[in-house]
Amino acid sequence: TDYTEHALGTGTNARAAAYLECQDSAGTTIWGCGIDEDI
């Protein structure tokens, strides 16, 4: 239902963070977060 992302730091060693807002089949909101060098 929603997705956002942003860089973590600057330069060649910067990483990225991604956030997901989801709903399951019952309509419950569930959040996820991922962190990696690659967005």
PDB file of all heavy atoms in Angstrom:
ATOM      1  N   THR A   1       0.814  -1.216   0.000  1.00  0.00           N
ATOM      2  CA  THR A   1       0.000   0.000   0.000  1.00  0.00           C
ATOM      3  C   THR A   1       0.847   1.266   0.000  1.00  0.00           C
ATOM      4  O   THR A   1       0.343   2.331  -0.328  1.00  0.00           O
ATOM      5  CB  THR A   1      -0.929   0.026   1.229  1.00  0.00           C
ATOM      6  OG1 THR A   1      -0.135  -0.094   2.424  1.00  0.00           O
ATOM      7  CG2 THR A   1      -1.933  -1.125   1.168  1.00  0.00           C
ATOM      8  N   ASP A   2       2.126   1.147   0.352  1.00  0.00           N
ATOM      9  CA  ASP A   2       3.009   2.314   0.305  1.00  0.00           C
ATOM     10  C   ASP A   2       4.451   1.842   0.280  1.00  0.00           C
ATOM     11  O   ASP A   2       4.784   0.769   0.832  1.00  0.00           O
ATOM     12  CB  ASP A   2       2.777   3.230   1.501  1.00  0.00           C
ATOM     13  CG  ASP A   2       3.388   4.615   1.280  1.00  0.00           C
ATOM     14  OD1 ASP A   2       3.677   4.958   0.122  1.00  0.00           O
ATOM     15  OD2 ASP A   2       3.563   5.348   2.266  1.00  0.00           O
ATOM     16  N   TYR A   3       5.314   2.623  -0.349  1.00  0.00           N
ATOM     17  CA  TYR A   3       6.732   2.288  -0.453  1.00  0.00           C
ATOM     18  C   TYR A   3       7.536   3.575  -0.388  1.00  0.00           C
ATOM     19  O   TYR A   3       7.218   4.553  -1.050  1.00  0.00           O
ATOM     20  CB  TYR A   3       7.028   1.564  -1.767  1.00  0.00           C
ATOM     21  CG  TYR A   3       8.506   1.367  -2.034  1.00  0.00           C
ATOM     22  CD1 TYR A   3       9.203   0.311  -1.459  1.00  0.00           C
ATOM     23  CD2 TYR A   3       9.209   2.248  -2.865  1.00  0.00           C
ATOM     24  CE1 TYR A   3      10.559   0.127  -1.708  1.00  0.00           C
ATOM     25  CE2 TYR A   3      10.559   2.077  -3.108  1.00  0.00           C
ATOM     26  CZ  TYR A   3      11.238   1.011  -2.518  1.00  0.00           C
ATOM     27  OH  TYR A   3      12.580   0.836  -2.760  1.00  0.00           O
ATOM     28  N   THR A   4       8.584   3.604   0.427  1.00  0.00           N
ATOM     29  CA  THR A   4       9.520   4.738   0.470  1.00  0.00           C
ATOM     30  C   THR A   4      10.935   4.208   0.557  1.00  0.00           C
ATOM     31  O   THR A   4      11.170   3.061   0.998  1.00  0.00           O
ATOM     32  CB  THR A   4       9.260   5.670   1.677  1.00  0.00           C
ATOM     33  OG1 THR A   4       9.353   4.901   2.883  1.00  0.00           O
ATOM     34  CG2 THR A   4       7.898   6.319   1.581  1.00  0.00           C
ATOM     35  N   GLU A   5      11.853   5.042   0.143  1.00  0.00           N
ATOM     36  CA  GLU A   5      13.265   4.657   0.208  1.00  0.00           C
ATOM     37  C   GLU A   5      14.107   5.898   0.391  1.00  0.00           C
ATOM     38  O   GLU A   5      13.664   7.024   0.121  1.00  0.00           O
ATOM     39  CB  GLU A   5      13.683   3.943  -1.075  1.00  0.00           C
ATOM     40  CG  GLU A   5      13.591   4.833  -2.304  1.00  0.00           C
ATOM     41  CD  GLU A   5      13.922   4.115  -3.608  1.00  0.00           C
ATOM     42  OE1 GLU A   5      13.520   2.947  -3.767  1.00  0.00           O
ATOM     43  OE2 GLU A   5      14.580   4.748  -4.452  1.00  0.00           O
ATOM     44  N   HIS A   6      15.323   5.735   0.883  1.00  0.00           N
ATOM     45  CA  HIS A   6      16.263   6.856   0.992  1.00  0.00           C
ATOM     46  C   HIS A   6      17.674   6.314   1.123  1.00  0.00           C
ATOM     47  O   HIS A   6      17.891   5.135   1.470  1.00  0.00           O
ATOM     48  CB  HIS A   6      15.935   7.771   2.175  1.00  0.00           C
ATOM     49  CG  HIS A   6      16.079   7.120   3.528  1.00  0.00           C
ATOM     50  ND1 HIS A   6      17.285   6.970   4.154  1.00  0.00           N
ATOM     51  CD2 HIS A   6      15.140   6.583   4.356  1.00  0.00           C
ATOM     52  CE1 HIS A   6      17.108   6.380   5.326  1.00  0.00           C
ATOM     53  NE2 HIS A   6      15.807   6.129   5.464  1.00  0.00           N
ATOM     54  N   ALA A   7      18.632   7.157   0.828  1.00  0.00           N
ATOM     55  CA  ALA A   7      20.038   6.780   0.959  1.00  0.00           C
ATOM     56  C   ALA A   7      20.459   6.837   2.419  1.00  0.00           C
ATOM     57  O   ALA A   7      19.939   7.632   3.204  1.00  0.00           O
ATOM     58  CB  ALA A   7      20.912   7.705   0.123  1.00  0.00           C
ATOM     59  N   LEU A   8      21.400   6.008   2.778  1.00  0.00           N
ATOM     60  CA  LEU A   8      22.021   6.030   4.105  1.00  0.00           C
ATOM     61  C   LEU A   8      23.461   6.486   3.923  1.00  0.00           C
ATOM     62  O   LEU A   8      24.327   5.705   3.540  1.00  0.00           O
ATOM     63  CB  LEU A   8      21.987   4.650   4.757  1.00  0.00           C
ATOM     64  CG  LEU A   8      20.625   4.108   5.193  1.00  0.00           C
ATOM     65  CD1 LEU A   8      20.743   2.661   5.632  1.00  0.00           C
ATOM     66  CD2 LEU A   8      20.073   4.951   6.318  1.00  0.00           C
ATOM     67  N   GLY A   9      23.698   7.766   4.139  1.00  0.00           N
ATOM     68  CA  GLY A   9      25.036   8.286   3.950  1.00  0.00           C
ATOM     69  C   GLY A   9      25.254   8.745   2.523  1.00  0.00           C
ATOM     70  O   GLY A   9      24.340   8.758   1.689  1.00  0.00           O
ATOM     71  N   THR A  10      26.499   9.137   2.243  1.00  0.00           N
ATOM     72  CA  THR A  10      26.867   9.626   0.918  1.00  0.00           C
ATOM     73  C   THR A  10      28.167   8.972   0.483  1.00  0.00           C
ATOM     74  O   THR A  10      28.867   8.331   1.276  1.00  0.00           O
ATOM     75  CB  THR A  10      27.050  11.155   0.932  1.00  0.00           C
ATOM     76  OG1 THR A  10      28.074  11.491   1.874  1.00  0.00           O
ATOM     77  CG2 THR A  10      25.752  11.866   1.285  1.00  0.00           C
ATOM     78  N   GLY A  11      28.464   9.127  -0.801  1.00  0.00           N
ATOM     79  CA  GLY A  11      29.726   8.616  -1.315  1.00  0.00           C
ATOM     80  C   GLY A  11      29.636   7.171  -1.762  1.00  0.00           C
ATOM     81  O   GLY A  11      28.561   6.547  -1.819  1.00  0.00           O
ATOM     82  N   THR A  12      30.805   6.611  -2.038  1.00  0.00           N
ATOM     83  CA  THR A  12      30.851   5.259  -2.600  1.00  0.00           C
ATOM     84  C   THR A  12      30.411   4.189  -1.608  1.00  0.00           C
ATOM     85  O   THR A  12      30.020   3.096  -2.013  1.00  0.00           O
ATOM     86  CB  THR A  12      32.283   4.940  -3.079  1.00  0.00           C
ATOM     87  OG1 THR A  12      33.189   5.113  -1.970  1.00  0.00           O
ATOM     88  CG2 THR A  12      32.690   5.874  -4.207  1.00  0.00           C
ATOM     89  N   ASN A  13      30.471   4.481  -0.317  1.00  0.00           N
ATOM     90  CA  ASN A  13      30.086   3.485   0.688  1.00  0.00           C
ATOM     91  C   ASN A  13      28.647   3.663   1.177  1.00  0.00           C
ATOM     92  O   ASN A  13      28.240   3.041   2.161  1.00  0.00           O
ATOM     93  CB  ASN A  13      31.033   3.567   1.890  1.00  0.00           C
ATOM     94  CG  ASN A  13      32.455   3.178   1.529  1.00  0.00           C
ATOM     95  OD1 ASN A  13      32.674   2.275   0.731  1.00  0.00           O
ATOM     96  ND2 ASN A  13      33.433   3.885   2.096  1.00  0.00           N
ATOM     97  N   ALA A  14      27.897   4.514   0.500  1.00  0.00           N
ATOM     98  CA  ALA A  14      26.521   4.762   0.929  1.00  0.00           C
ATOM     99  C   ALA A  14      25.672   3.503   0.756  1.00  0.00           C
ATOM    100  O   ALA A  14      25.874   2.715  -0.178  1.00  0.00           O
ATOM    101  CB  ALA A  14      25.917   5.907   0.125  1.00  0.00           C
ATOM    102  N   ARG A  15      24.722   3.339   1.658  1.00  0.00           N
ATOM    103  CA  ARG A  15      23.757   2.245   1.562  1.00  0.00           C
ATOM    104  C   ARG A  15      22.372   2.837   1.343  1.00  0.00           C
ATOM    105  O   ARG A  15      22.213   4.038   1.243  1.00  0.00           O
ATOM    106  CB  ARG A  15      23.785   1.401   2.832  1.00  0.00           C
ATOM    107  CG  ARG A  15      25.115   0.711   3.095  1.00  0.00           C
ATOM    108  CD  ARG A  15      25.057  -0.063   4.405  1.00  0.00           C
ATOM    109  NE  ARG A  15      24.764   0.813   5.515  1.00  0.00           N
ATOM    110  CZ  ARG A  15      24.211   0.419   6.665  1.00  0.00           C
ATOM    111  NH1 ARG A  15      23.848  -0.853   6.829  1.00  0.00           N
ATOM    112  NH2 ARG A  15      23.990   1.279   7.639  1.00  0.00           N
ATOM    113  N   ALA A  16      21.386   1.969   1.245  1.00  0.00           N
ATOM    114  CA  ALA A  16      20.017   2.426   1.025  1.00  0.00           C
ATOM    115  C   ALA A  16      19.094   1.689   1.980  1.00  0.00           C
ATOM    116  O   ALA A  16      19.358   0.555   2.400  1.00  0.00           O
ATOM    117  CB  ALA A  16      19.594   2.178  -0.418  1.00  0.00           C
ATOM    118  N   ALA A  17      17.998   2.367   2.321  1.00  0.00           N
ATOM    119  CA  ALA A  17      16.957   1.757   3.151  1.00  0.00           C
ATOM    120  C   ALA A  17      15.634   1.833   2.393  1.00  0.00           C
ATOM    121  O   ALA A  17      15.326   2.842   1.752  1.00  0.00           O
ATOM    122  CB  ALA A  17      16.834   2.473   4.485  1.00  0.00           C
ATOM    123  N   ALA A  18      14.867   0.771   2.466  1.00  0.00           N
ATOM    124  CA  ALA A  18      13.556   0.717   1.821  1.00  0.00           C
ATOM    125  C   ALA A  18      12.518   0.299   2.850  1.00  0.00           C
ATOM    126  O   ALA A  18      12.787  -0.552   3.716  1.00  0.00           O
ATOM    127  CB  ALA A  18      13.574  -0.263   0.650  1.00  0.00           C
ATOM    128  N   TYR A  19      11.323   0.910   2.773  1.00  0.00           N
ATOM    129  CA  TYR A  19      10.255   0.620   3.728  1.00  0.00           C
ATOM    130  C   TYR A  19       8.986   0.261   2.951  1.00  0.00           C
ATOM    131  O   TYR A  19       8.617   0.960   1.998  1.00  0.00           O
ATOM    132  CB  TYR A  19       9.968   1.835   4.614  1.00  0.00           C
ATOM    133  CG  TYR A  19      11.203   2.447   5.245  1.00  0.00           C
ATOM    134  CD1 TYR A  19      11.846   3.531   4.642  1.00  0.00           C
ATOM    135  CD2 TYR A  19      11.726   1.943   6.434  1.00  0.00           C
ATOM    136  CE1 TYR A  19      12.972   4.093   5.208  1.00  0.00           C
ATOM    137  CE2 TYR A  19      12.850   2.501   7.008  1.00  0.00           C
ATOM    138  CZ  TYR A  19      13.477   3.580   6.389  1.00  0.00           C
ATOM    139  OH  TYR A  19      14.595   4.132   6.954  1.00  0.00           O
ATOM    140  N   LEU A  20       8.353  -0.799   3.372  1.00  0.00           N
ATOM    141  CA  LEU A  20       7.116  -1.247   2.740  1.00  0.00           C
ATOM    142  C   LEU A  20       5.971  -1.253   3.743  1.00  0.00           C
ATOM    143  O   LEU A  20       6.119  -1.795   4.846  1.00  0.00           O
ATOM    144  CB  LEU A  20       7.259  -2.680   2.205  1.00  0.00           C
ATOM    145  CG  LEU A  20       7.929  -2.924   0.854  1.00  0.00           C
ATOM    146  CD1 LEU A  20       7.910  -4.411   0.559  1.00  0.00           C
ATOM    147  CD2 LEU A  20       7.226  -2.161  -0.246  1.00  0.00           C
ATOM    148  N   GLU A  21       4.851  -0.664   3.337  1.00  0.00           N
ATOM    149  CA  GLU A  21       3.614  -0.828   4.090  1.00  0.00           C
ATOM    150  C   GLU A  21       2.736  -1.792   3.296  1.00  0.00           C
ATOM    151  O   GLU A  21       2.430  -1.537   2.123  1.00  0.00           O
ATOM    152  CB  GLU A  21       2.892   0.500   4.276  1.00  0.00           C
ATOM    153  CG  GLU A  21       1.603   0.365   5.085  1.00  0.00           C
ATOM    154  CD  GLU A  21       0.821   1.665   5.170  1.00  0.00           C
ATOM    155  OE1 GLU A  21       1.230   2.650   4.525  1.00  0.00           O
ATOM    156  OE2 GLU A  21      -0.223   1.687   5.862  1.00  0.00           O
ATOM    157  N   CYS A  22       2.354  -2.896   3.917  1.00  0.00           N
ATOM    158  CA  CYS A  22       1.585  -3.935   3.231  1.00  0.00           C
ATOM    159  C   CYS A  22       0.315  -4.258   4.007  1.00  0.00           C
ATOM    160  O   CYS A  22       0.182  -3.907   5.192  1.00  0.00           O
ATOM    161  CB  CYS A  22       2.410  -5.226   3.101  1.00  0.00           C
ATOM    162  SG  CYS A  22       3.992  -5.025   2.281  1.00  0.00           S
ATOM    163  N   GLN A  23      -0.563  -4.950   3.336  1.00  0.00           N
ATOM    164  CA  GLN A  23      -1.724  -5.534   3.993  1.00  0.00           C
ATOM    165  C   GLN A  23      -1.784  -7.011   3.650  1.00  0.00           C
ATOM    166  O   GLN A  23      -1.524  -7.412   2.505  1.00  0.00           O
ATOM    167  CB  GLN A  23      -3.017  -4.848   3.547  1.00  0.00           C
ATOM    168  CG  GLN A  23      -3.261  -3.511   4.195  1.00  0.00           C
ATOM    169  CD  GLN A  23      -4.657  -2.966   3.932  1.00  0.00           C
ATOM    170  OE1 GLN A  23      -5.348  -3.441   3.023  1.00  0.00           O
ATOM    171  NE2 GLN A  23      -5.077  -2.008   4.717  1.00  0.00           N
ATOM    172  N   ASP A  24      -2.125  -7.832   4.634  1.00  0.00           N
ATOM    173  CA  ASP A  24      -2.305  -9.257   4.357  1.00  0.00           C
ATOM    174  C   ASP A  24      -3.746  -9.499   3.926  1.00  0.00           C
ATOM    175  O   ASP A  24      -4.554  -8.560   3.809  1.00  0.00           O
ATOM    176  CB  ASP A  24      -1.908 -10.109   5.568  1.00  0.00           C
ATOM    177  CG  ASP A  24      -2.764  -9.841   6.794  1.00  0.00           C
ATOM    178  OD1 ASP A  24      -3.836  -9.210   6.668  1.00  0.00           O
ATOM    179  OD2 ASP A  24      -2.352 -10.261   7.899  1.00  0.00           O
ATOM    180  N   SER A  25      -4.084 -10.742   3.714  1.00  0.00           N
ATOM    181  CA  SER A  25      -5.410 -11.085   3.199  1.00  0.00           C
ATOM    182  C   SER A  25      -6.523 -10.714   4.170  1.00  0.00           C
ATOM    183  O   SER A  25      -7.676 -10.543   3.756  1.00  0.00           O
ATOM    184  CB  SER A  25      -5.478 -12.582   2.877  1.00  0.00           C
ATOM    185  OG  SER A  25      -5.126 -13.351   4.031  1.00  0.00           O
ATOM    186  N   ALA A  26      -6.194 -10.559   5.457  1.00  0.00           N
ATOM    187  CA  ALA A  26      -7.190 -10.186   6.463  1.00  0.00           C
ATOM    188  C   ALA A  26      -7.298  -8.680   6.623  1.00  0.00           C
ATOM    189  O   ALA A  26      -8.074  -8.190   7.439  1.00  0.00           O
ATOM    190  CB  ALA A  26      -6.836 -10.829   7.802  1.00  0.00           C
ATOM    191  N   GLY A  27      -6.498  -7.924   5.875  1.00  0.00           N
ATOM    192  CA  GLY A  27      -6.529  -6.469   5.963  1.00  0.00           C
ATOM    193  C   GLY A  27      -5.650  -5.895   7.048  1.00  0.00           C
ATOM    194  O   GLY A  27      -5.703  -4.683   7.320  1.00  0.00           O
ATOM    195  N   THR A  28      -4.807  -6.704   7.672  1.00  0.00           N
ATOM    196  CA  THR A  28      -3.899  -6.239   8.720  1.00  0.00           C
ATOM    197  C   THR A  28      -2.688  -5.537   8.097  1.00  0.00           C
ATOM    198  O   THR A  28      -2.102  -6.049   7.136  1.00  0.00           O
ATOM    199  CB  THR A  28      -3.421  -7.414   9.586  1.00  0.00           C
ATOM    200  OG1 THR A  28      -4.551  -8.088  10.137  1.00  0.00           O
ATOM    201  CG2 THR A  28      -2.507  -6.928  10.701  1.00  0.00           C
ATOM    202  N   THR A  29      -2.325  -4.406   8.638  1.00  0.00           N
ATOM    203  CA  THR A  29      -1.158  -3.668   8.134  1.00  0.00           C
ATOM    204  C   THR A  29       0.121  -4.307   8.658  1.00  0.00           C
ATOM    205  O   THR A  29       0.254  -4.590   9.852  1.00  0.00           O
ATOM    206  CB  THR A  29      -1.205  -2.195   8.570  1.00  0.00           C
ATOM    207  OG1 THR A  29      -2.372  -1.583   7.985  1.00  0.00           O
ATOM    208  CG2 THR A  29       0.037  -1.446   8.098  1.00  0.00           C
ATOM    209  N   ILE A  30       1.054  -4.525   7.766  1.00  0.00           N
ATOM    210  CA  ILE A  30       2.344  -5.138   8.099  1.00  0.00           C
ATOM    211  C   ILE A  30       3.444  -4.300   7.463  1.00  0.00           C
ATOM    212  O   ILE A  30       3.339  -3.903   6.293  1.00  0.00           O
ATOM    213  CB  ILE A  30       2.411  -6.591   7.591  1.00  0.00           C
ATOM    214  CG1 ILE A  30       1.385  -7.458   8.339  1.00  0.00           C
ATOM    215  CG2 ILE A  30       3.822  -7.152   7.772  1.00  0.00           C
ATOM    216  CD1 ILE A  30       1.284  -8.861   7.825  1.00  0.00           C
ATOM    217  N   TRP A  31       4.485  -4.041   8.236  1.00  0.00           N
ATOM    218  CA  TRP A  31       5.595  -3.223   7.769  1.00  0.00           C
ATOM    219  C   TRP A  31       6.837  -4.072   7.539  1.00  0.00           C
ATOM    220  O   TRP A  31       7.071  -5.060   8.235  1.00  0.00           O
ATOM    221  CB  TRP A  31       5.926  -2.126   8.770  1.00  0.00           C
ATOM    222  CG  TRP A  31       4.956  -0.987   8.749  1.00  0.00           C
ATOM    223  CD1 TRP A  31       3.825  -0.860   9.486  1.00  0.00           C
ATOM    224  CD2 TRP A  31       5.019   0.156   7.916  1.00  0.00           C
ATOM    225  NE1 TRP A  31       3.167   0.307   9.182  1.00  0.00           N
ATOM    226  CE2 TRP A  31       3.887   0.958   8.209  1.00  0.00           C
ATOM    227  CE3 TRP A  31       5.912   0.601   6.934  1.00  0.00           C
ATOM    228  CZ2 TRP A  31       3.640   2.165   7.564  1.00  0.00           C
ATOM    229  CZ3 TRP A  31       5.677   1.810   6.298  1.00  0.00           C
ATOM    230  CH2 TRP A  31       4.542   2.572   6.607  1.00  0.00           C
ATOM    231  N   GLY A  32       7.616  -3.656   6.552  1.00  0.00           N
ATOM    232  CA  GLY A  32       8.891  -4.295   6.288  1.00  0.00           C
ATOM    233  C   GLY A  32       9.958  -3.260   6.040  1.00  0.00           C
ATOM    234  O   GLY A  32       9.678  -2.146   5.573  1.00  0.00           O
ATOM    235  N   CYS A  33      11.193  -3.593   6.348  1.00  0.00           N
ATOM    236  CA  CYS A  33      12.341  -2.698   6.121  1.00  0.00           C
ATOM    237  C   CYS A  33      13.504  -3.514   5.595  1.00  0.00           C
ATOM    238  O   CYS A  33      13.786  -4.610   6.101  1.00  0.00           O
ATOM    239  CB  CYS A  33      12.741  -1.994   7.413  1.00  0.00           C
ATOM    240  SG  CYS A  33      14.227  -0.954   7.248  1.00  0.00           S
ATOM    241  N   GLY A  34      14.165  -2.997   4.580  1.00  0.00           N
ATOM    242  CA  GLY A  34      15.348  -3.642   4.039  1.00  0.00           C
ATOM    243  C   GLY A  34      16.491  -2.662   3.910  1.00  0.00           C
ATOM    244  O   GLY A  34      16.278  -1.492   3.563  1.00  0.00           O
ATOM    245  N   ILE A  35      17.703  -3.103   4.218  1.00  0.00           N
ATOM    246  CA  ILE A  35      18.897  -2.262   4.140  1.00  0.00           C
ATOM    247  C   ILE A  35      19.946  -3.001   3.333  1.00  0.00           C
ATOM    248  O   ILE A  35      20.218  -4.187   3.564  1.00  0.00           O
ATOM    249  CB  ILE A  35      19.449  -1.946   5.546  1.00  0.00           C
ATOM    250  CG1 ILE A  35      18.400  -1.192   6.375  1.00  0.00           C
ATOM    251  CG2 ILE A  35      20.732  -1.125   5.457  1.00  0.00           C
ATOM    252  CD1 ILE A  35      18.792  -1.007   7.839  1.00  0.00           C
ATOM    253  N   ASP A  36      20.528  -2.307   2.345  1.00  0.00           N
ATOM    254  CA  ASP A  36      21.549  -2.938   1.521  1.00  0.00           C
ATOM    255  C   ASP A  36      22.347  -1.855   0.799  1.00  0.00           C
ATOM    256  O   ASP A  36      21.917  -0.694   0.728  1.00  0.00           O
ATOM    257  CB  ASP A  36      20.913  -3.873   0.495  1.00  0.00           C
ATOM    258  CG  ASP A  36      21.911  -4.879  -0.067  1.00  0.00           C
ATOM    259  OD1 ASP A  36      22.051  -5.970   0.543  1.00  0.00           O
ATOM    260  OD2 ASP A  36      22.549  -4.579  -1.092  1.00  0.00           O
ATOM    261  N   GLU A  37      23.507  -2.247   0.273  1.00  0.00           N
ATOM    262  CA  GLU A  37      24.289  -1.310  -0.523  1.00  0.00           C
ATOM    263  C   GLU A  37      23.575  -0.949  -1.812  1.00  0.00           C
ATOM    264  O   GLU A  37      23.798   0.115  -2.390  1.00  0.00           O
ATOM    265  CB  GLU A  37      25.669  -1.904  -0.854  1.00  0.00           C
ATOM    266  CG  GLU A  37      26.628  -1.975   0.320  1.00  0.00           C
ATOM    267  CD  GLU A  37      26.340  -3.138   1.260  1.00  0.00           C
ATOM    268  OE1 GLU A  37      25.483  -3.996   0.895  1.00  0.00           O
ATOM    269  OE2 GLU A  37      26.944  -3.194   2.341  1.00  0.00           O
ATOM    270  N   ASP A  38      22.714  -1.840  -2.289  1.00  0.00           N
ATOM    271  CA  ASP A  38      21.983  -1.648  -3.539  1.00  0.00           C
ATOM    272  C   ASP A  38      20.514  -1.399  -3.231  1.00  0.00           C
ATOM    273  O   ASP A  38      19.900  -2.150  -2.470  1.00  0.00           O
ATOM    274  CB  ASP A  38      22.142  -2.903  -4.409  1.00  0.00           C
ATOM    275  CG  ASP A  38      21.285  -2.870  -5.649  1.00  0.00           C
ATOM    276  OD1 ASP A  38      21.512  -2.005  -6.500  1.00  0.00           O
ATOM    277  OD2 ASP A  38      20.361  -3.697  -5.745  1.00  0.00           O
ATOM    278  N   ILE A  39      19.927  -0.349  -3.813  1.00  0.00           N
ATOM    279  CA  ILE A  39      18.556   0.001  -3.483  1.00  0.00           C
ATOM    280  C   ILE A  39      17.575  -1.075  -3.921  1.00  0.00           C
ATOM    281  O   ILE A  39      16.571  -1.338  -3.239  1.00  0.00           O
ATOM    282  CB  ILE A  39      18.174   1.372  -4.101  1.00  0.00           C
ATOM    283  CG1 ILE A  39      16.787   1.806  -3.617  1.00  0.00           C
ATOM    284  CG2 ILE A  39      18.250   1.337  -5.611  1.00  0.00           C
ATOM    285  CD1 ILE A  39      16.629   1.922  -2.142  1.00  0.00           C
TER     286      ILE A  39
END
